[in-house]
């Protein structure tokens, strides 16, 4: 049921240096839960979805890029009734995808709780 994000080499891809630096396992989110973020310093809201997750980091998909180092307030909305939360994180990378959307990797200011982690998968 859990799909581990590509952590190795596919037939047509070079190994990713980013994967080699990761200390935690990263898991692809099957549901792609919606999120809303507020980016400092403007605090303008942006909507996207969670692409993959580890206990201390997340990958998001957005229609726009964010500068590396941007601090984000991340509002989670989960499938559990009444369960939502706000985390903060810092953008580590921002990569344009083939579909024109942006993959944004973010280190969280704290580790996710087990409930938060599993609710995102």
PDB file of N, CA and C in Angstrom:
ATOM      1  N   UNK A   1       0.819  -1.185   0.000  1.00  0.00           N
ATOM      2  CA  UNK A   1       0.000   0.000   0.000  1.00  0.00           C
ATOM      3  C   UNK A   1       0.865   1.251   0.000  1.00  0.00           C
ATOM      4  N   UNK A   2       1.953   1.261   0.763  1.00  0.00           N
ATOM      5  CA  UNK A   2       2.841   2.409   0.750  1.00  0.00           C
ATOM      6  C   UNK A   2       3.776   2.277  -0.434  1.00  0.00           C
ATOM      7  N   UNK A   3       3.892   3.336  -1.199  1.00  0.00           N
ATOM      8  CA  UNK A   3       4.829   3.346  -2.314  1.00  0.00           C
ATOM      9  C   UNK A   3       6.029   4.168  -1.912  1.00  0.00           C
ATOM     10  N   UNK A   4       7.153   3.521  -1.770  1.00  0.00           N
ATOM     11  CA  UNK A   4       8.355   4.270  -1.428  1.00  0.00           C
ATOM     12  C   UNK A   4       8.770   5.076  -2.643  1.00  0.00           C
ATOM     13  N   UNK A   5       9.099   6.334  -2.425  1.00  0.00           N
ATOM     14  CA  UNK A   5       9.520   7.193  -3.532  1.00  0.00           C
ATOM     15  C   UNK A   5      10.766   6.607  -4.167  1.00  0.00           C
ATOM     16  N   UNK A   6      10.954   6.880  -5.434  1.00  0.00           N
ATOM     17  CA  UNK A   6      12.096   6.376  -6.176  1.00  0.00           C
ATOM     18  C   UNK A   6      13.385   6.731  -5.458  1.00  0.00           C
ATOM     19  N   UNK A   7      14.055   5.729  -4.938  1.00  0.00           N
ATOM     20  CA  UNK A   7      15.278   5.991  -4.184  1.00  0.00           C
ATOM     21  C   UNK A   7      16.497   5.422  -4.892  1.00  0.00           C
ATOM     22  N   UNK A   8      16.310   4.979  -6.097  1.00  0.00           N
ATOM     23  CA  UNK A   8      17.442   4.429  -6.813  1.00  0.00           C
ATOM     24  C   UNK A   8      17.437   4.907  -8.241  1.00  0.00           C
ATOM     25  N   UNK A   9      17.887   4.064  -9.113  1.00  0.00           N
ATOM     26  CA  UNK A   9      18.066   4.434 -10.500  1.00  0.00           C
ATOM     27  C   UNK A   9      17.044   3.699 -11.343  1.00  0.00           C
ATOM     28  N   UNK A  10      16.286   4.413 -12.172  1.00  0.00           N
ATOM     29  CA  UNK A  10      15.383   3.771 -13.107  1.00  0.00           C
ATOM     30  C   UNK A  10      16.152   3.510 -14.392  1.00  0.00           C
ATOM     31  N   UNK A  11      15.507   2.885 -15.351  1.00  0.00           N
ATOM     32  CA  UNK A  11      16.185   2.530 -16.589  1.00  0.00           C
ATOM     33  C   UNK A  11      16.757   3.738 -17.327  1.00  0.00           C
ATOM     34  N   UNK A  12      16.051   4.871 -17.302  1.00  0.00           N
ATOM     35  CA  UNK A  12      16.455   6.023 -18.099  1.00  0.00           C
ATOM     36  C   UNK A  12      16.929   7.205 -17.278  1.00  0.00           C
ATOM     37  N   UNK A  13      17.177   7.028 -16.007  1.00  0.00           N
ATOM     38  CA  UNK A  13      17.552   8.159 -15.173  1.00  0.00           C
ATOM     39  C   UNK A  13      18.907   7.944 -14.532  1.00  0.00           C
ATOM     40  N   UNK A  14      19.602   9.056 -14.339  1.00  0.00           N
ATOM     41  CA  UNK A  14      20.844   9.045 -13.578  1.00  0.00           C
ATOM     42  C   UNK A  14      20.486   8.973 -12.097  1.00  0.00           C
ATOM     43  N   UNK A  15      21.349   8.453 -11.247  1.00  0.00           N
ATOM     44  CA  UNK A  15      21.084   8.476  -9.807  1.00  0.00           C
ATOM     45  C   UNK A  15      20.950   9.919  -9.330  1.00  0.00           C
ATOM     46  N   UNK A  16      20.032  10.154  -8.426  1.00  0.00           N
ATOM     47  CA  UNK A  16      19.809  11.501  -7.910  1.00  0.00           C
ATOM     48  C   UNK A  16      20.673  11.739  -6.689  1.00  0.00           C
ATOM     49  N   UNK A  17      21.469  12.798  -6.708  1.00  0.00           N
ATOM     50  CA  UNK A  17      22.332  13.133  -5.579  1.00  0.00           C
ATOM     51  C   UNK A  17      21.490  13.436  -4.354  1.00  0.00           C
ATOM     52  N   UNK A  18      20.319  14.043  -4.559  1.00  0.00           N
ATOM     53  CA  UNK A  18      19.442  14.399  -3.445  1.00  0.00           C
ATOM     54  C   UNK A  18      19.049  13.162  -2.642  1.00  0.00           C
ATOM     55  N   UNK A  19      18.764  12.072  -3.330  1.00  0.00           N
ATOM     56  CA  UNK A  19      18.364  10.843  -2.664  1.00  0.00           C
ATOM     57  C   UNK A  19      19.488  10.336  -1.776  1.00  0.00           C
ATOM     58  N   UNK A  20      20.713  10.446  -2.225  1.00  0.00           N
ATOM     59  CA  UNK A  20      21.852   9.938  -1.478  1.00  0.00           C
ATOM     60  C   UNK A  20      22.076  10.686  -0.166  1.00  0.00           C
ATOM     61  N   UNK A  21      21.606  11.942  -0.067  1.00  0.00           N
ATOM     62  CA  UNK A  21      21.806  12.735   1.140  1.00  0.00           C
ATOM     63  C   UNK A  21      20.749  12.469   2.191  1.00  0.00           C
ATOM     64  N   UNK A  22      19.669  11.821   1.841  1.00  0.00           N
ATOM     65  CA  UNK A  22      18.557  11.650   2.764  1.00  0.00           C
ATOM     66  C   UNK A  22      18.900  10.675   3.883  1.00  0.00           C
ATOM     67  N   UNK A  23      18.579  11.091   5.099  1.00  0.00           N
ATOM     68  CA  UNK A  23      18.825  10.245   6.260  1.00  0.00           C
ATOM     69  C   UNK A  23      17.582   9.443   6.621  1.00  0.00           C
ATOM     70  N   UNK A  24      16.430   9.841   6.086  1.00  0.00           N
ATOM     71  CA  UNK A  24      15.173   9.182   6.415  1.00  0.00           C
ATOM     72  C   UNK A  24      14.536   8.613   5.154  1.00  0.00           C
ATOM     73  N   UNK A  25      13.773   7.536   5.345  1.00  0.00           N
ATOM     74  CA  UNK A  25      13.033   6.993   4.221  1.00  0.00           C
ATOM     75  C   UNK A  25      11.927   7.953   3.835  1.00  0.00           C
ATOM     76  N   UNK A  26      11.708   8.087   2.553  1.00  0.00           N
ATOM     77  CA  UNK A  26      10.672   8.972   2.025  1.00  0.00           C
ATOM     78  C   UNK A  26       9.616   8.093   1.357  1.00  0.00           C
ATOM     79  N   UNK A  27       8.351   8.426   1.585  1.00  0.00           N
ATOM     80  CA  UNK A  27       7.248   7.646   1.049  1.00  0.00           C
ATOM     81  C   UNK A  27       6.356   8.511   0.174  1.00  0.00           C
ATOM     82  N   UNK A  28       5.986   7.996  -0.960  1.00  0.00           N
ATOM     83  CA  UNK A  28       5.074   8.674  -1.876  1.00  0.00           C
ATOM     84  C   UNK A  28       3.677   8.654  -1.267  1.00  0.00           C
ATOM     85  N   UNK A  29       2.985   9.763  -1.342  1.00  0.00           N
ATOM     86  CA  UNK A  29       1.623   9.875  -0.827  1.00  0.00           C
ATOM     87  C   UNK A  29       0.650   9.389  -1.886  1.00  0.00           C
ATOM     88  N   UNK A  30      -0.049   8.323  -1.598  1.00  0.00           N
ATOM     89  CA  UNK A  30      -0.998   7.757  -2.560  1.00  0.00           C
ATOM     90  C   UNK A  30      -2.189   8.684  -2.779  1.00  0.00           C
ATOM     91  N   UNK A  31      -2.610   9.379  -1.740  1.00  0.00           N
ATOM     92  CA  UNK A  31      -3.794  10.241  -1.824  1.00  0.00           C
ATOM     93  C   UNK A  31      -3.476  11.644  -2.328  1.00  0.00           C
ATOM     94  N   UNK A  32      -2.236  12.069  -2.257  1.00  0.00           N
ATOM     95  CA  UNK A  32      -1.828  13.433  -2.620  1.00  0.00           C
ATOM     96  C   UNK A  32      -2.698  14.468  -1.900  1.00  0.00           C
ATOM     97  N   UNK A  33      -2.638  14.490  -0.561  1.00  0.00           N
ATOM     98  CA  UNK A  33      -3.503  15.406   0.189  1.00  0.00           C
ATOM     99  C   UNK A  33      -3.230  16.880  -0.130  1.00  0.00           C
ATOM    100  N   UNK A  34      -4.312  17.638  -0.191  1.00  0.00           N
ATOM    101  CA  UNK A  34      -4.224  19.073  -0.468  1.00  0.00           C
ATOM    102  C   UNK A  34      -3.639  19.800   0.736  1.00  0.00           C
ATOM    103  N   UNK A  35      -2.864  20.845   0.440  1.00  0.00           N
ATOM    104  CA  UNK A  35      -2.308  21.694   1.489  1.00  0.00           C
ATOM    105  C   UNK A  35      -2.459  23.151   1.078  1.00  0.00           C
ATOM    106  N   UNK A  36      -2.317  23.996   2.069  1.00  0.00           N
ATOM    107  CA  UNK A  36      -2.228  25.429   1.834  1.00  0.00           C
ATOM    108  C   UNK A  36      -0.995  25.901   2.565  1.00  0.00           C
ATOM    109  N   UNK A  37      -0.197  26.733   1.911  1.00  0.00           N
ATOM    110  CA  UNK A  37       0.989  27.284   2.563  1.00  0.00           C
ATOM    111  C   UNK A  37       0.926  28.799   2.520  1.00  0.00           C
ATOM    112  N   UNK A  38       1.565  29.403   3.504  1.00  0.00           N
ATOM    113  CA  UNK A  38       1.789  30.847   3.534  1.00  0.00           C
ATOM    114  C   UNK A  38       3.290  31.034   3.465  1.00  0.00           C
ATOM    115  N   UNK A  39       3.738  31.809   2.485  1.00  0.00           N
ATOM    116  CA  UNK A  39       5.171  32.003   2.276  1.00  0.00           C
ATOM    117  C   UNK A  39       5.612  33.328   2.868  1.00  0.00           C
ATOM    118  N   UNK A  40       6.672  33.288   3.700  1.00  0.00           N
ATOM    119  CA  UNK A  40       7.246  34.530   4.226  1.00  0.00           C
ATOM    120  C   UNK A  40       8.014  35.227   3.121  1.00  0.00           C
ATOM    121  N   UNK A  41       8.108  36.506   3.059  1.00  0.00           N
ATOM    122  CA  UNK A  41       7.599  37.467   4.032  1.00  0.00           C
ATOM    123  C   UNK A  41       6.189  37.970   3.709  1.00  0.00           C
ATOM    124  N   UNK A  42       5.642  37.654   2.541  1.00  0.00           N
ATOM    125  CA  UNK A  42       4.349  38.220   2.126  1.00  0.00           C
ATOM    126  C   UNK A  42       3.161  37.560   2.827  1.00  0.00           C
ATOM    127  N   UNK A  43       3.315  36.303   3.234  1.00  0.00           N
ATOM    128  CA  UNK A  43       2.244  35.500   3.823  1.00  0.00           C
ATOM    129  C   UNK A  43       1.061  35.338   2.879  1.00  0.00           C
ATOM    130  N   UNK A  44       1.340  35.407   1.588  1.00  0.00           N
ATOM    131  CA  UNK A  44       0.303  35.144   0.590  1.00  0.00           C
ATOM    132  C   UNK A  44       0.040  33.635   0.568  1.00  0.00           C
ATOM    133  N   UNK A  45      -1.242  33.225   0.504  1.00  0.00           N
ATOM    134  CA  UNK A  45      -1.548  31.790   0.494  1.00  0.00           C
ATOM    135  C   UNK A  45      -1.362  31.171  -0.891  1.00  0.00           C
ATOM    136  N   UNK A  46      -0.877  29.936  -0.910  1.00  0.00           N
ATOM    137  CA  UNK A  46      -0.736  29.152  -2.130  1.00  0.00           C
ATOM    138  C   UNK A  46      -1.256  27.749  -1.848  1.00  0.00           C
ATOM    139  N   UNK A  47      -1.876  27.149  -2.853  1.00  0.00           N
ATOM    140  CA  UNK A  47      -2.435  25.802  -2.707  1.00  0.00           C
ATOM    141  C   UNK A  47      -1.625  24.815  -3.537  1.00  0.00           C
ATOM    142  N   UNK A  48      -1.461  23.626  -2.991  1.00  0.00           N
ATOM    143  CA  UNK A  48      -0.738  22.567  -3.667  1.00  0.00           C
ATOM    144  C   UNK A  48      -1.144  21.239  -3.062  1.00  0.00           C
ATOM    145  N   UNK A  49      -0.293  20.239  -3.251  1.00  0.00           N
ATOM    146  CA  UNK A  49      -0.560  18.954  -2.615  1.00  0.00           C
ATOM    147  C   UNK A  49       0.749  18.288  -2.203  1.00  0.00           C
ATOM    148  N   UNK A  50       0.623  17.374  -1.237  1.00  0.00           N
ATOM    149  CA  UNK A  50       1.783  16.644  -0.726  1.00  0.00           C
ATOM    150  C   UNK A  50       2.109  15.522  -1.707  1.00  0.00           C
ATOM    151  N   UNK A  51       3.351  15.487  -2.154  1.00  0.00           N
ATOM    152  CA  UNK A  51       3.817  14.480  -3.110  1.00  0.00           C
ATOM    153  C   UNK A  51       4.475  13.296  -2.397  1.00  0.00           C
ATOM    154  N   UNK A  52       5.369  13.614  -1.464  1.00  0.00           N
ATOM    155  CA  UNK A  52       6.016  12.563  -0.677  1.00  0.00           C
ATOM    156  C   UNK A  52       6.346  13.101   0.710  1.00  0.00           C
ATOM    157  N   UNK A  53       6.637  12.167   1.620  1.00  0.00           N
ATOM    158  CA  UNK A  53       6.795  12.562   3.010  1.00  0.00           C
ATOM    159  C   UNK A  53       7.813  11.667   3.720  1.00  0.00           C
ATOM    160  N   UNK A  54       8.549  12.270   4.640  1.00  0.00           N
ATOM    161  CA  UNK A  54       9.405  11.575   5.603  1.00  0.00           C
ATOM    162  C   UNK A  54       9.074  12.200   6.959  1.00  0.00           C
ATOM    163  N   UNK A  55       9.599  11.672   8.013  1.00  0.00           N
ATOM    164  CA  UNK A  55       9.256  12.203   9.335  1.00  0.00           C
ATOM    165  C   UNK A  55       9.699  13.651   9.513  1.00  0.00           C
ATOM    166  N   UNK A  56      10.767  14.072   8.849  1.00  0.00           N
ATOM    167  CA  UNK A  56      11.282  15.424   9.034  1.00  0.00           C
ATOM    168  C   UNK A  56      11.274  16.290   7.787  1.00  0.00           C
ATOM    169  N   UNK A  57      10.634  15.806   6.718  1.00  0.00           N
ATOM    170  CA  UNK A  57      10.609  16.588   5.477  1.00  0.00           C
ATOM    171  C   UNK A  57       9.416  16.191   4.621  1.00  0.00           C
ATOM    172  N   UNK A  58       9.098  17.057   3.670  1.00  0.00           N
ATOM    173  CA  UNK A  58       7.987  16.801   2.753  1.00  0.00           C
ATOM    174  C   UNK A  58       8.346  17.324   1.378  1.00  0.00           C
ATOM    175  N   UNK A  59       7.750  16.703   0.370  1.00  0.00           N
ATOM    176  CA  UNK A  59       7.822  17.198  -0.991  1.00  0.00           C
ATOM    177  C   UNK A  59       6.431  17.612  -1.418  1.00  0.00           C
ATOM    178  N   UNK A  60       6.320  18.756  -2.056  1.00  0.00           N
ATOM    179  CA  UNK A  60       5.030  19.296  -2.481  1.00  0.00           C
ATOM    180  C   UNK A  60       5.038  19.528  -3.982  1.00  0.00           C
ATOM    181  N   UNK A  61       3.850  19.636  -4.554  1.00  0.00           N
ATOM    182  CA  UNK A  61       3.687  20.045  -5.947  1.00  0.00           C
ATOM    183  C   UNK A  61       2.872  21.335  -5.952  1.00  0.00           C
ATOM    184  N   UNK A  62       3.431  22.357  -6.620  1.00  0.00           N
ATOM    185  CA  UNK A  62       2.772  23.664  -6.733  1.00  0.00           C
ATOM    186  C   UNK A  62       2.779  24.108  -8.190  1.00  0.00           C
ATOM    187  N   UNK A  63       1.939  25.084  -8.497  1.00  0.00           N
ATOM    188  CA  UNK A  63       1.893  25.691  -9.822  1.00  0.00           C
ATOM    189  C   UNK A  63       2.975  26.759  -9.994  1.00  0.00           C
ATOM    190  N   UNK A  64       3.674  27.091  -8.927  1.00  0.00           N
ATOM    191  CA  UNK A  64       4.677  28.165  -8.957  1.00  0.00           C
ATOM    192  C   UNK A  64       5.911  27.732  -8.184  1.00  0.00           C
ATOM    193  N   UNK A  65       7.051  28.354  -8.489  1.00  0.00           N
ATOM    194  CA  UNK A  65       8.272  28.020  -7.743  1.00  0.00           C
ATOM    195  C   UNK A  65       8.377  28.829  -6.451  1.00  0.00           C
ATOM    196  N   UNK A  66       9.222  28.352  -5.555  1.00  0.00           N
ATOM    197  CA  UNK A  66       9.602  29.076  -4.341  1.00  0.00           C
ATOM    198  C   UNK A  66      11.120  29.120  -4.299  1.00  0.00           C
ATOM    199  N   UNK A  67      11.670  30.220  -3.819  1.00  0.00           N
ATOM    200  CA  UNK A  67      13.123  30.342  -3.687  1.00  0.00           C
ATOM    201  C   UNK A  67      13.624  29.417  -2.582  1.00  0.00           C
ATOM    202  N   UNK A  68      14.793  28.827  -2.806  1.00  0.00           N
ATOM    203  CA  UNK A  68      15.443  28.038  -1.762  1.00  0.00           C
ATOM    204  C   UNK A  68      15.655  28.948  -0.560  1.00  0.00           C
ATOM    205  N   UNK A  69      15.347  28.440   0.626  1.00  0.00           N
ATOM    206  CA  UNK A  69      15.469  29.213   1.859  1.00  0.00           C
ATOM    207  C   UNK A  69      14.170  29.857   2.300  1.00  0.00           C
ATOM    208  N   UNK A  70      13.153  29.891   1.427  1.00  0.00           N
ATOM    209  CA  UNK A  70      11.854  30.470   1.800  1.00  0.00           C
ATOM    210  C   UNK A  70      11.251  29.688   2.951  1.00  0.00           C
ATOM    211  N   UNK A  71      10.747  30.398   3.954  1.00  0.00           N
ATOM    212  CA  UNK A  71      10.075  29.764   5.082  1.00  0.00           C
ATOM    213  C   UNK A  71       8.587  29.690   4.761  1.00  0.00           C
ATOM    214  N   UNK A  72       8.023  28.494   4.947  1.00  0.00           N
ATOM    215  CA  UNK A  72       6.616  28.250   4.664  1.00  0.00           C
ATOM    216  C   UNK A  72       5.878  27.853   5.939  1.00  0.00           C
ATOM    217  N   UNK A  73       4.684  28.398   6.113  1.00  0.00           N
ATOM    218  CA  UNK A  73       3.740  27.889   7.114  1.00  0.00           C
ATOM    219  C   UNK A  73       2.845  26.927   6.350  1.00  0.00           C
ATOM    220  N   UNK A  74       2.825  25.670   6.756  1.00  0.00           N
ATOM    221  CA  UNK A  74       2.163  24.594   6.011  1.00  0.00           C
ATOM    222  C   UNK A  74       0.926  24.153   6.780  1.00  0.00           C
ATOM    223  N   UNK A  75      -0.247  24.316   6.172  1.00  0.00           N
ATOM    224  CA  UNK A  75      -1.495  23.899   6.819  1.00  0.00           C
ATOM    225  C   UNK A  75      -1.894  22.537   6.275  1.00  0.00           C
ATOM    226  N   UNK A  76      -1.896  21.556   7.169  1.00  0.00           N
ATOM    227  CA  UNK A  76      -2.284  20.196   6.801  1.00  0.00           C
ATOM    228  C   UNK A  76      -3.776  20.002   7.037  1.00  0.00           C
ATOM    229  N   UNK A  77      -4.399  19.299   6.118  1.00  0.00           N
ATOM    230  CA  UNK A  77      -5.791  18.886   6.303  1.00  0.00           C
ATOM    231  C   UNK A  77      -5.812  17.400   6.016  1.00  0.00           C
ATOM    232  N   UNK A  78      -6.210  16.622   6.998  1.00  0.00           N
ATOM    233  CA  UNK A  78      -6.126  15.178   6.843  1.00  0.00           C
ATOM    234  C   UNK A  78      -7.504  14.560   6.766  1.00  0.00           C
ATOM    235  N   UNK A  79      -7.513  13.254   6.479  1.00  0.00           N
ATOM    236  CA  UNK A  79      -8.779  12.544   6.326  1.00  0.00           C
ATOM    237  C   UNK A  79      -9.464  12.271   7.657  1.00  0.00           C
ATOM    238  N   UNK A  80      -8.755  12.454   8.765  1.00  0.00           N
ATOM    239  CA  UNK A  80      -9.358  12.233  10.073  1.00  0.00           C
ATOM    240  C   UNK A  80     -10.168  13.467  10.461  1.00  0.00           C
ATOM    241  N   UNK A  81     -11.402  13.271  10.773  1.00  0.00           N
ATOM    242  CA  UNK A  81     -12.288  14.393  11.103  1.00  0.00           C
ATOM    243  C   UNK A  81     -11.696  15.227  12.232  1.00  0.00           C
ATOM    244  N   UNK A  82     -11.647  16.518  12.007  1.00  0.00           N
ATOM    245  CA  UNK A  82     -11.174  17.437  13.027  1.00  0.00           C
ATOM    246  C   UNK A  82      -9.679  17.499  13.197  1.00  0.00           C
ATOM    247  N   UNK A  83      -8.926  16.759  12.408  1.00  0.00           N
ATOM    248  CA  UNK A  83      -7.467  16.735  12.558  1.00  0.00           C
ATOM    249  C   UNK A  83      -6.839  17.619  11.493  1.00  0.00           C
ATOM    250  N   UNK A  84      -6.258  18.704  11.917  1.00  0.00           N
ATOM    251  CA  UNK A  84      -5.485  19.541  11.006  1.00  0.00           C
ATOM    252  C   UNK A  84      -4.400  20.201  11.836  1.00  0.00           C
ATOM    253  N   UNK A  85      -3.401  20.679  11.182  1.00  0.00           N
ATOM    254  CA  UNK A  85      -2.326  21.302  11.924  1.00  0.00           C
ATOM    255  C   UNK A  85      -1.515  22.213  11.034  1.00  0.00           C
ATOM    256  N   UNK A  86      -0.702  23.039  11.669  1.00  0.00           N
ATOM    257  CA  UNK A  86       0.174  23.939  10.931  1.00  0.00           C
ATOM    258  C   UNK A  86       1.607  23.636  11.333  1.00  0.00           C
ATOM    259  N   UNK A  87       2.446  23.453  10.336  1.00  0.00           N
ATOM    260  CA  UNK A  87       3.871  23.210  10.519  1.00  0.00           C
ATOM    261  C   UNK A  87       4.631  24.340   9.847  1.00  0.00           C
ATOM    262  N   UNK A  88       5.876  24.493  10.206  1.00  0.00           N
ATOM    263  CA  UNK A  88       6.712  25.406   9.434  1.00  0.00           C
ATOM    264  C   UNK A  88       7.857  24.601   8.847  1.00  0.00           C
ATOM    265  N   UNK A  89       8.349  25.088   7.736  1.00  0.00           N
ATOM    266  CA  UNK A  89       9.444  24.416   7.060  1.00  0.00           C
ATOM    267  C   UNK A  89      10.189  25.384   6.175  1.00  0.00           C
ATOM    268  N   UNK A  90      11.329  24.942   5.692  1.00  0.00           N
ATOM    269  CA  UNK A  90      12.170  25.770   4.839  1.00  0.00           C
ATOM    270  C   UNK A  90      12.424  25.037   3.526  1.00  0.00           C
ATOM    271  N   UNK A  91      12.295  25.755   2.418  1.00  0.00           N
ATOM    272  CA  UNK A  91      12.477  25.181   1.091  1.00  0.00           C
ATOM    273  C   UNK A  91      13.941  24.819   0.873  1.00  0.00           C
ATOM    274  N   UNK A  92      14.183  23.546   0.507  1.00  0.00           N
ATOM    275  CA  UNK A  92      15.531  23.048   0.226  1.00  0.00           C
ATOM    276  C   UNK A  92      15.822  23.009  -1.262  1.00  0.00           C
ATOM    277  N   UNK A  93      14.806  22.722  -2.053  1.00  0.00           N
ATOM    278  CA  UNK A  93      14.981  22.679  -3.504  1.00  0.00           C
ATOM    279  C   UNK A  93      13.647  22.943  -4.183  1.00  0.00           C
ATOM    280  N   UNK A  94      13.717  23.370  -5.430  1.00  0.00           N
ATOM    281  CA  UNK A  94      12.530  23.647  -6.230  1.00  0.00           C
ATOM    282  C   UNK A  94      12.879  23.266  -7.660  1.00  0.00           C
ATOM    283  N   UNK A  95      12.159  22.282  -8.208  1.00  0.00           N
ATOM    284  CA  UNK A  95      12.511  21.725  -9.508  1.00  0.00           C
ATOM    285  C   UNK A  95      11.296  21.744 -10.432  1.00  0.00           C
ATOM    286  N   UNK A  96      11.483  22.261 -11.631  1.00  0.00           N
ATOM    287  CA  UNK A  96      10.423  22.261 -12.635  1.00  0.00           C
ATOM    288  C   UNK A  96      10.238  20.841 -13.168  1.00  0.00           C
ATOM    289  N   UNK A  97       8.979  20.393 -13.189  1.00  0.00           N
ATOM    290  CA  UNK A  97       8.659  19.060 -13.695  1.00  0.00           C
ATOM    291  C   UNK A  97       8.253  19.147 -15.167  1.00  0.00           C
ATOM    292  N   UNK A  98       8.197  18.007 -15.813  1.00  0.00           N
ATOM    293  CA  UNK A  98       7.809  17.961 -17.219  1.00  0.00           C
ATOM    294  C   UNK A  98       6.388  18.471 -17.455  1.00  0.00           C
ATOM    295  N   UNK A  99       5.513  18.343 -16.449  1.00  0.00           N
ATOM    296  CA  UNK A  99       4.122  18.782 -16.603  1.00  0.00           C
ATOM    297  C   UNK A  99       3.945  20.281 -16.347  1.00  0.00           C
ATOM    298  N   UNK A 100       5.048  20.998 -16.098  1.00  0.00           N
ATOM    299  CA  UNK A 100       4.987  22.441 -15.885  1.00  0.00           C
ATOM    300  C   UNK A 100       4.752  22.847 -14.444  1.00  0.00           C
ATOM    301  N   UNK A 101       4.555  21.879 -13.554  1.00  0.00           N
ATOM    302  CA  UNK A 101       4.390  22.169 -12.130  1.00  0.00           C
ATOM    303  C   UNK A 101       5.753  22.101 -11.456  1.00  0.00           C
ATOM    304  N   UNK A 102       5.800  22.554 -10.201  1.00  0.00           N
ATOM    305  CA  UNK A 102       7.057  22.635  -9.461  1.00  0.00           C
ATOM    306  C   UNK A 102       7.065  21.658  -8.300  1.00  0.00           C
ATOM    307  N   UNK A 103       8.137  20.867  -8.196  1.00  0.00           N
ATOM    308  CA  UNK A 103       8.355  19.970  -7.051  1.00  0.00           C
ATOM    309  C   UNK A 103       9.203  20.743  -6.046  1.00  0.00           C
ATOM    310  N   UNK A 104       8.632  20.977  -4.882  1.00  0.00           N
ATOM    311  CA  UNK A 104       9.270  21.775  -3.836  1.00  0.00           C
ATOM    312  C   UNK A 104       9.583  20.873  -2.648  1.00  0.00           C
ATOM    313  N   UNK A 105      10.854  20.735  -2.309  1.00  0.00           N
ATOM    314  CA  UNK A 105      11.276  19.943  -1.163  1.00  0.00           C
ATOM    315  C   UNK A 105      11.520  20.851   0.025  1.00  0.00           C
ATOM    316  N   UNK A 106      11.039  20.432   1.186  1.00  0.00           N
ATOM    317  CA  UNK A 106      11.057  21.285   2.364  1.00  0.00           C
ATOM    318  C   UNK A 106      11.474  20.484   3.596  1.00  0.00           C
ATOM    319  N   UNK A 107      12.386  21.035   4.393  1.00  0.00           N
ATOM    320  CA  UNK A 107      12.729  20.456   5.688  1.00  0.00           C
ATOM    321  C   UNK A 107      11.808  21.071   6.731  1.00  0.00           C
ATOM    322  N   UNK A 108      11.195  20.226   7.536  1.00  0.00           N
ATOM    323  CA  UNK A 108      10.252  20.697   8.551  1.00  0.00           C
ATOM    324  C   UNK A 108      10.984  21.180   9.798  1.00  0.00           C
ATOM    325  N   UNK A 109      10.356  22.091  10.532  1.00  0.00           N
ATOM    326  CA  UNK A 109      10.956  22.620  11.761  1.00  0.00           C
ATOM    327  C   UNK A 109      10.900  21.611  12.898  1.00  0.00           C
ATOM    328  N   UNK A 110      10.041  20.634  12.773  1.00  0.00           N
ATOM    329  CA  UNK A 110       9.948  19.531  13.753  1.00  0.00           C
ATOM    330  C   UNK A 110       9.545  18.272  13.009  1.00  0.00           C
ATOM    331  N   UNK A 111       9.785  17.129  13.626  1.00  0.00           N
ATOM    332  CA  UNK A 111       9.353  15.871  13.028  1.00  0.00           C
ATOM    333  C   UNK A 111       7.837  15.736  13.139  1.00  0.00           C
ATOM    334  N   UNK A 112       7.255  15.066  12.170  1.00  0.00           N
ATOM    335  CA  UNK A 112       5.830  14.769  12.217  1.00  0.00           C
ATOM    336  C   UNK A 112       5.548  13.766  13.329  1.00  0.00           C
ATOM    337  N   UNK A 113       4.368  13.861  13.917  1.00  0.00           N
ATOM    338  CA  UNK A 113       3.938  12.810  14.834  1.00  0.00           C
ATOM    339  C   UNK A 113       3.553  11.597  13.996  1.00  0.00           C
ATOM    340  N   UNK A 114       3.440  10.447  14.612  1.00  0.00           N
ATOM    341  CA  UNK A 114       3.021   9.256  13.871  1.00  0.00           C
ATOM    342  C   UNK A 114       1.646   9.459  13.251  1.00  0.00           C
ATOM    343  N   UNK A 115       0.716  10.077  13.984  1.00  0.00           N
ATOM    344  CA  UNK A 115      -0.619  10.334  13.445  1.00  0.00           C
ATOM    345  C   UNK A 115      -0.551  11.239  12.218  1.00  0.00           C
ATOM    346  N   UNK A 116       0.239  12.306  12.284  1.00  0.00           N
ATOM    347  CA  UNK A 116       0.390  13.204  11.138  1.00  0.00           C
ATOM    348  C   UNK A 116       0.992  12.463   9.948  1.00  0.00           C
ATOM    349  N   UNK A 117       2.049  11.708  10.208  1.00  0.00           N
ATOM    350  CA  UNK A 117       2.741  10.981   9.147  1.00  0.00           C
ATOM    351  C   UNK A 117       1.794  10.019   8.432  1.00  0.00           C
ATOM    352  N   UNK A 118       1.146   9.143   9.189  1.00  0.00           N
ATOM    353  CA  UNK A 118       0.308   8.125   8.571  1.00  0.00           C
ATOM    354  C   UNK A 118      -0.972   8.697   7.957  1.00  0.00           C
ATOM    355  N   UNK A 119      -1.436   9.827   8.450  1.00  0.00           N
ATOM    356  CA  UNK A 119      -2.628  10.431   7.864  1.00  0.00           C
ATOM    357  C   UNK A 119      -2.335  11.017   6.475  1.00  0.00           C
ATOM    358  N   UNK A 120      -1.069  11.315   6.190  1.00  0.00           N
ATOM    359  CA  UNK A 120      -0.699  11.861   4.888  1.00  0.00           C
ATOM    360  C   UNK A 120      -0.519  10.794   3.814  1.00  0.00           C
ATOM    361  N   UNK A 121      -0.274   9.566   4.225  1.00  0.00           N
ATOM    362  CA  UNK A 121      -0.051   8.492   3.267  1.00  0.00           C
ATOM    363  C   UNK A 121      -1.369   8.037   2.729  1.00  0.00           C
TER     364      UNK A 121
END
